[in-house]
Amino acid sequence: MSQQAKKLEDQAEELRSLLNEVEKNTDKENASDEKKANEGHRSREVDILNLPPRKEIHSNKKAPTHIKISVPFKRFLLILTVLLILMLGAYLWFGEDLIQMINNALPLEELI
């Protein structure tokens, strides 16, 4: 049993040494993180007594532009769009025949 006890103690020593190494590494990392945080904190220091008034800071904000379209104007745009679609469809469907019908109905010579 004495050999088994020695083996267990050896294993415990190895684990302790590994744990100590890990703790040392984490302590170094924490120290470097704290240094970085302190450096950042130093650069962010603001003199509270020399700040501009709130009114100056918040008056520079521009409100987004909102365009309010009334219902009659929306209706006009809808009718105009539908008429344009119908005219385009009629031109594509009838094409040259539609232009000839218009020219035959109103000859320019009679208007003069």
N, C-alpha and C. Protein backbone atom coordinates (compact mmCIF):
# COMPACT_ATOMS: atom_id res chain seq x y z
N MET A 1 0.79 -1.19 0.00
CA MET A 1 0.00 0.00 0.00
C MET A 1 0.84 1.26 0.00
N SER A 2 2.00 1.15 0.47
CA SER A 2 2.85 2.34 0.52
C SER A 2 3.18 2.82 -0.89
N GLN A 3 3.30 1.90 -1.83
CA GLN A 3 3.58 2.31 -3.21
C GLN A 3 2.36 3.01 -3.81
N GLN A 4 1.17 2.51 -3.50
CA GLN A 4 -0.04 3.14 -4.02
C GLN A 4 -0.21 4.53 -3.41
N ALA A 5 0.10 4.69 -2.15
CA ALA A 5 0.00 5.99 -1.51
C ALA A 5 0.98 6.97 -2.14
N LYS A 6 2.20 6.50 -2.46
CA LYS A 6 3.18 7.36 -3.10
C LYS A 6 2.70 7.79 -4.50
N LYS A 7 2.08 6.84 -5.22
CA LYS A 7 1.58 7.17 -6.56
C LYS A 7 0.48 8.23 -6.46
N LEU A 8 -0.39 8.08 -5.48
CA LEU A 8 -1.47 9.05 -5.30
C LEU A 8 -0.91 10.42 -4.94
N GLU A 9 0.11 10.45 -4.07
CA GLU A 9 0.73 11.72 -3.69
C GLU A 9 1.41 12.35 -4.90
N ASP A 10 2.05 11.54 -5.73
CA ASP A 10 2.71 12.06 -6.93
C ASP A 10 1.68 12.66 -7.89
N GLN A 11 0.56 11.97 -8.03
CA GLN A 11 -0.50 12.51 -8.90
C GLN A 11 -1.03 13.82 -8.34
N ALA A 12 -1.21 13.90 -7.05
CA ALA A 12 -1.70 15.11 -6.43
C ALA A 12 -0.71 16.25 -6.62
N GLU A 13 0.59 15.96 -6.52
CA GLU A 13 1.61 16.98 -6.73
C GLU A 13 1.59 17.50 -8.16
N GLU A 14 1.46 16.59 -9.10
CA GLU A 14 1.39 16.99 -10.50
C GLU A 14 0.19 17.89 -10.75
N LEU A 15 -0.95 17.51 -10.20
CA LEU A 15 -2.15 18.32 -10.38
C LEU A 15 -2.00 19.70 -9.72
N ARG A 16 -1.37 19.74 -8.54
CA ARG A 16 -1.15 21.02 -7.87
C ARG A 16 -0.25 21.93 -8.69
N SER A 17 0.80 21.37 -9.27
CA SER A 17 1.71 22.17 -10.08
C SER A 17 1.00 22.69 -11.33
N LEU A 18 0.19 21.85 -11.95
CA LEU A 18 -0.57 22.30 -13.12
C LEU A 18 -1.55 23.41 -12.75
N LEU A 19 -2.21 23.26 -11.62
CA LEU A 19 -3.16 24.27 -11.16
C LEU A 19 -2.44 25.59 -10.86
N ASN A 20 -1.27 25.52 -10.26
CA ASN A 20 -0.50 26.73 -9.98
C ASN A 20 -0.09 27.45 -11.27
N GLU A 21 0.31 26.69 -12.28
CA GLU A 21 0.68 27.28 -13.56
C GLU A 21 -0.52 27.98 -14.20
N VAL A 22 -1.66 27.33 -14.16
CA VAL A 22 -2.87 27.92 -14.74
C VAL A 22 -3.25 29.20 -14.00
N GLU A 23 -3.17 29.18 -12.68
CA GLU A 23 -3.49 30.36 -11.90
C GLU A 23 -2.55 31.51 -12.20
N LYS A 24 -1.27 31.21 -12.38
CA LYS A 24 -0.31 32.26 -12.71
C LYS A 24 -0.64 32.89 -14.06
N ASN A 25 -1.00 32.05 -15.03
CA ASN A 25 -1.35 32.57 -16.36
C ASN A 25 -2.60 33.43 -16.30
N THR A 26 -3.60 33.00 -15.55
CA THR A 26 -4.82 33.79 -15.45
C THR A 26 -4.56 35.09 -14.70
N ASP A 27 -3.67 35.07 -13.70
CA ASP A 27 -3.33 36.29 -12.99
C ASP A 27 -2.66 37.29 -13.94
N LYS A 28 -1.77 36.79 -14.80
CA LYS A 28 -1.10 37.67 -15.77
C LYS A 28 -2.11 38.26 -16.74
N GLU A 29 -3.04 37.43 -17.22
CA GLU A 29 -4.06 37.91 -18.15
C GLU A 29 -4.96 38.94 -17.49
N ASN A 30 -5.35 38.70 -16.25
CA ASN A 30 -6.19 39.65 -15.54
C ASN A 30 -5.47 40.97 -15.34
N ALA A 31 -4.19 40.90 -15.03
CA ALA A 31 -3.42 42.12 -14.84
C ALA A 31 -3.33 42.92 -16.14
N SER A 32 -3.12 42.23 -17.25
CA SER A 32 -3.04 42.95 -18.53
C SER A 32 -4.40 43.52 -18.91
N ASP A 33 -5.49 42.79 -18.61
CA ASP A 33 -6.83 43.31 -18.88
C ASP A 33 -7.12 44.54 -18.04
N GLU A 34 -6.69 44.53 -16.78
CA GLU A 34 -6.91 45.68 -15.91
C GLU A 34 -6.12 46.89 -16.40
N LYS A 35 -4.89 46.67 -16.89
CA LYS A 35 -4.10 47.76 -17.43
C LYS A 35 -4.79 48.38 -18.63
N LYS A 36 -5.31 47.53 -19.53
CA LYS A 36 -6.01 48.04 -20.71
C LYS A 36 -7.26 48.81 -20.31
N ALA A 37 -7.98 48.31 -19.32
CA ALA A 37 -9.19 49.00 -18.87
C ALA A 37 -8.84 50.34 -18.25
N ASN A 38 -7.76 50.39 -17.47
CA ASN A 38 -7.35 51.64 -16.86
C ASN A 38 -6.89 52.65 -17.91
N GLU A 39 -6.20 52.21 -18.93
CA GLU A 39 -5.77 53.11 -19.99
C GLU A 39 -6.97 53.68 -20.73
N GLY A 40 -7.96 52.84 -21.00
CA GLY A 40 -9.18 53.30 -21.65
C GLY A 40 -9.95 54.26 -20.77
N HIS A 41 -9.96 54.00 -19.50
CA HIS A 41 -10.67 54.86 -18.56
C HIS A 41 -10.00 56.23 -18.49
N ARG A 42 -8.69 56.25 -18.52
CA ARG A 42 -7.97 57.52 -18.47
C ARG A 42 -8.28 58.38 -19.70
N SER A 43 -8.40 57.74 -20.84
CA SER A 43 -8.67 58.52 -22.05
C SER A 43 -10.11 59.03 -22.09
N ARG A 44 -11.01 58.42 -21.33
CA ARG A 44 -12.40 58.83 -21.33
C ARG A 44 -12.73 59.84 -20.24
N GLU A 45 -11.78 60.22 -19.47
CA GLU A 45 -12.06 61.15 -18.39
C GLU A 45 -12.57 62.46 -18.97
N VAL A 46 -13.68 62.96 -18.41
CA VAL A 46 -14.31 64.17 -18.89
C VAL A 46 -14.43 65.13 -17.74
N ASP A 47 -14.10 66.38 -18.00
CA ASP A 47 -14.24 67.40 -16.98
C ASP A 47 -15.71 67.82 -16.95
N ILE A 48 -16.41 67.45 -15.92
CA ILE A 48 -17.84 67.68 -15.82
C ILE A 48 -18.17 69.17 -15.77
N LEU A 49 -17.30 69.96 -15.22
CA LEU A 49 -17.58 71.39 -15.08
C LEU A 49 -17.47 72.14 -16.39
N ASN A 50 -16.82 71.58 -17.40
CA ASN A 50 -16.64 72.27 -18.67
C ASN A 50 -17.52 71.71 -19.79
N LEU A 51 -18.60 71.04 -19.46
CA LEU A 51 -19.49 70.51 -20.48
C LEU A 51 -20.40 71.61 -21.02
N PRO A 52 -20.80 71.51 -22.30
CA PRO A 52 -21.73 72.50 -22.85
C PRO A 52 -23.13 72.28 -22.28
N PRO A 53 -23.98 73.29 -22.35
CA PRO A 53 -25.35 73.13 -21.84
C PRO A 53 -26.13 72.07 -22.64
N ARG A 54 -27.09 71.46 -22.00
CA ARG A 54 -27.91 70.43 -22.66
C ARG A 54 -28.65 71.01 -23.85
N LYS A 55 -29.08 72.26 -23.72
CA LYS A 55 -29.85 72.88 -24.79
C LYS A 55 -29.05 72.92 -26.09
N GLU A 56 -27.76 73.21 -26.00
CA GLU A 56 -26.92 73.26 -27.20
C GLU A 56 -26.76 71.88 -27.81
N ILE A 57 -26.57 70.89 -27.00
CA ILE A 57 -26.36 69.53 -27.51
C ILE A 57 -27.61 69.00 -28.21
N HIS A 58 -28.75 69.16 -27.57
CA HIS A 58 -29.98 68.56 -28.08
C HIS A 58 -30.67 69.42 -29.14
N SER A 59 -30.30 70.67 -29.28
CA SER A 59 -30.93 71.51 -30.30
C SER A 59 -30.37 71.22 -31.69
N ASN A 60 -29.23 70.55 -31.78
CA ASN A 60 -28.62 70.25 -33.07
C ASN A 60 -29.23 69.05 -33.76
N LYS A 61 -30.09 68.32 -33.10
CA LYS A 61 -30.71 67.14 -33.71
C LYS A 61 -31.74 67.58 -34.74
N LYS A 62 -31.67 66.97 -35.92
CA LYS A 62 -32.62 67.28 -36.98
C LYS A 62 -33.69 66.20 -37.01
N ALA A 63 -34.92 66.64 -37.03
CA ALA A 63 -36.03 65.69 -37.10
C ALA A 63 -36.16 65.18 -38.52
N PRO A 64 -36.50 63.92 -38.70
CA PRO A 64 -36.67 63.39 -40.06
C PRO A 64 -37.86 64.07 -40.75
N THR A 65 -37.76 64.24 -42.05
CA THR A 65 -38.81 64.89 -42.82
C THR A 65 -39.94 63.89 -43.07
N HIS A 66 -41.14 64.31 -42.73
CA HIS A 66 -42.32 63.48 -42.97
C HIS A 66 -43.19 64.17 -44.01
N ILE A 67 -43.55 63.46 -45.04
CA ILE A 67 -44.43 64.00 -46.06
C ILE A 67 -45.82 63.43 -45.82
N LYS A 68 -46.75 64.33 -45.57
CA LYS A 68 -48.12 63.90 -45.33
C LYS A 68 -48.90 64.09 -46.62
N ILE A 69 -49.45 62.99 -47.12
CA ILE A 69 -50.22 63.01 -48.36
C ILE A 69 -51.69 62.85 -48.00
N SER A 70 -52.49 63.79 -48.46
CA SER A 70 -53.91 63.75 -48.14
C SER A 70 -54.62 62.67 -48.96
N VAL A 71 -55.80 62.31 -48.52
CA VAL A 71 -56.57 61.25 -49.18
C VAL A 71 -56.98 61.67 -50.60
N PRO A 72 -57.44 62.91 -50.83
CA PRO A 72 -57.78 63.26 -52.22
C PRO A 72 -56.57 63.19 -53.17
N PHE A 73 -55.39 63.56 -52.69
CA PHE A 73 -54.20 63.48 -53.54
C PHE A 73 -53.85 62.03 -53.84
N LYS A 74 -54.01 61.15 -52.86
CA LYS A 74 -53.77 59.72 -53.10
C LYS A 74 -54.74 59.19 -54.14
N ARG A 75 -56.00 59.63 -54.06
CA ARG A 75 -57.01 59.19 -55.01
C ARG A 75 -56.66 59.68 -56.42
N PHE A 76 -56.22 60.93 -56.53
CA PHE A 76 -55.81 61.48 -57.82
C PHE A 76 -54.65 60.69 -58.41
N LEU A 77 -53.65 60.36 -57.59
CA LEU A 77 -52.52 59.58 -58.08
C LEU A 77 -52.95 58.19 -58.53
N LEU A 78 -53.89 57.58 -57.82
CA LEU A 78 -54.39 56.26 -58.20
C LEU A 78 -55.10 56.32 -59.54
N ILE A 79 -55.96 57.32 -59.73
CA ILE A 79 -56.69 57.44 -60.99
C ILE A 79 -55.72 57.72 -62.14
N LEU A 80 -54.75 58.59 -61.91
CA LEU A 80 -53.76 58.90 -62.93
C LEU A 80 -52.96 57.65 -63.32
N THR A 81 -52.59 56.85 -62.33
CA THR A 81 -51.84 55.62 -62.59
C THR A 81 -52.68 54.63 -63.40
N VAL A 82 -53.93 54.48 -63.02
CA VAL A 82 -54.82 53.55 -63.74
C VAL A 82 -55.00 54.01 -65.19
N LEU A 83 -55.18 55.33 -65.40
CA LEU A 83 -55.35 55.84 -66.76
C LEU A 83 -54.09 55.62 -67.60
N LEU A 84 -52.94 55.84 -67.01
CA LEU A 84 -51.70 55.60 -67.75
C LEU A 84 -51.53 54.13 -68.12
N ILE A 85 -51.90 53.25 -67.20
CA ILE A 85 -51.81 51.81 -67.49
C ILE A 85 -52.77 51.43 -68.60
N LEU A 86 -53.98 51.99 -68.57
CA LEU A 86 -54.96 51.68 -69.62
C LEU A 86 -54.49 52.20 -70.98
N MET A 87 -53.94 53.43 -71.00
CA MET A 87 -53.45 53.99 -72.27
C MET A 87 -52.28 53.17 -72.81
N LEU A 88 -51.38 52.78 -71.95
CA LEU A 88 -50.24 51.97 -72.38
C LEU A 88 -50.72 50.61 -72.89
N GLY A 89 -51.67 50.01 -72.20
CA GLY A 89 -52.23 48.73 -72.63
C GLY A 89 -52.94 48.84 -73.97
N ALA A 90 -53.69 49.94 -74.15
CA ALA A 90 -54.39 50.14 -75.42
C ALA A 90 -53.39 50.32 -76.55
N TYR A 91 -52.32 51.06 -76.30
CA TYR A 91 -51.32 51.27 -77.35
C TYR A 91 -50.63 49.95 -77.71
N LEU A 92 -50.28 49.17 -76.70
CA LEU A 92 -49.62 47.90 -76.98
C LEU A 92 -50.58 46.92 -77.67
N TRP A 93 -51.86 46.96 -77.32
CA TRP A 93 -52.83 46.02 -77.88
C TRP A 93 -53.19 46.38 -79.33
N PHE A 94 -53.49 47.69 -79.52
CA PHE A 94 -53.94 48.11 -80.84
C PHE A 94 -52.79 48.67 -81.68
N GLY A 95 -51.82 49.29 -81.05
CA GLY A 95 -50.63 49.78 -81.75
C GLY A 95 -50.92 50.81 -82.81
N GLU A 96 -50.48 50.52 -84.01
CA GLU A 96 -50.59 51.45 -85.12
C GLU A 96 -52.04 51.69 -85.52
N ASP A 97 -52.91 50.71 -85.36
CA ASP A 97 -54.33 50.88 -85.73
C ASP A 97 -54.96 52.01 -84.93
N LEU A 98 -54.62 52.14 -83.68
CA LEU A 98 -55.16 53.20 -82.83
C LEU A 98 -54.71 54.57 -83.32
N ILE A 99 -53.46 54.69 -83.70
CA ILE A 99 -52.93 55.97 -84.20
C ILE A 99 -53.60 56.33 -85.52
N GLN A 100 -53.82 55.36 -86.39
CA GLN A 100 -54.49 55.63 -87.67
C GLN A 100 -55.93 56.04 -87.45
N MET A 101 -56.62 55.43 -86.50
CA MET A 101 -58.00 55.81 -86.20
C MET A 101 -58.07 57.25 -85.72
N ILE A 102 -57.14 57.65 -84.89
CA ILE A 102 -57.12 59.02 -84.38
C ILE A 102 -56.83 60.00 -85.53
N ASN A 103 -55.90 59.67 -86.40
CA ASN A 103 -55.57 60.54 -87.53
C ASN A 103 -56.73 60.64 -88.52
N ASN A 104 -57.46 59.55 -88.75
CA ASN A 104 -58.59 59.56 -89.66
C ASN A 104 -59.78 60.31 -89.08
N ALA A 105 -59.94 60.27 -87.80
CA ALA A 105 -61.07 60.94 -87.17
C ALA A 105 -60.90 62.45 -87.20
N LEU A 106 -59.71 62.94 -87.03
CA LEU A 106 -59.45 64.38 -87.01
C LEU A 106 -58.35 64.73 -88.01
N PRO A 107 -58.66 64.90 -89.27
CA PRO A 107 -57.62 65.27 -90.22
C PRO A 107 -57.17 66.70 -89.95
N LEU A 108 -55.91 66.97 -90.09
CA LEU A 108 -55.35 68.28 -89.80
C LEU A 108 -55.77 69.32 -90.85
N GLU A 109 -56.06 68.92 -92.05
CA GLU A 109 -56.42 69.86 -93.10
C GLU A 109 -57.76 70.53 -92.83
N GLU A 110 -58.70 69.83 -92.21
CA GLU A 110 -59.99 70.39 -91.92
C GLU A 110 -59.92 71.41 -90.79
N LEU A 111 -58.97 71.24 -89.89
CA LEU A 111 -58.84 72.15 -88.76
C LEU A 111 -58.29 73.51 -89.18
N ILE A 112 -57.59 73.58 -90.29
CA ILE A 112 -56.95 74.83 -90.70
C ILE A 112 -57.90 75.66 -91.46
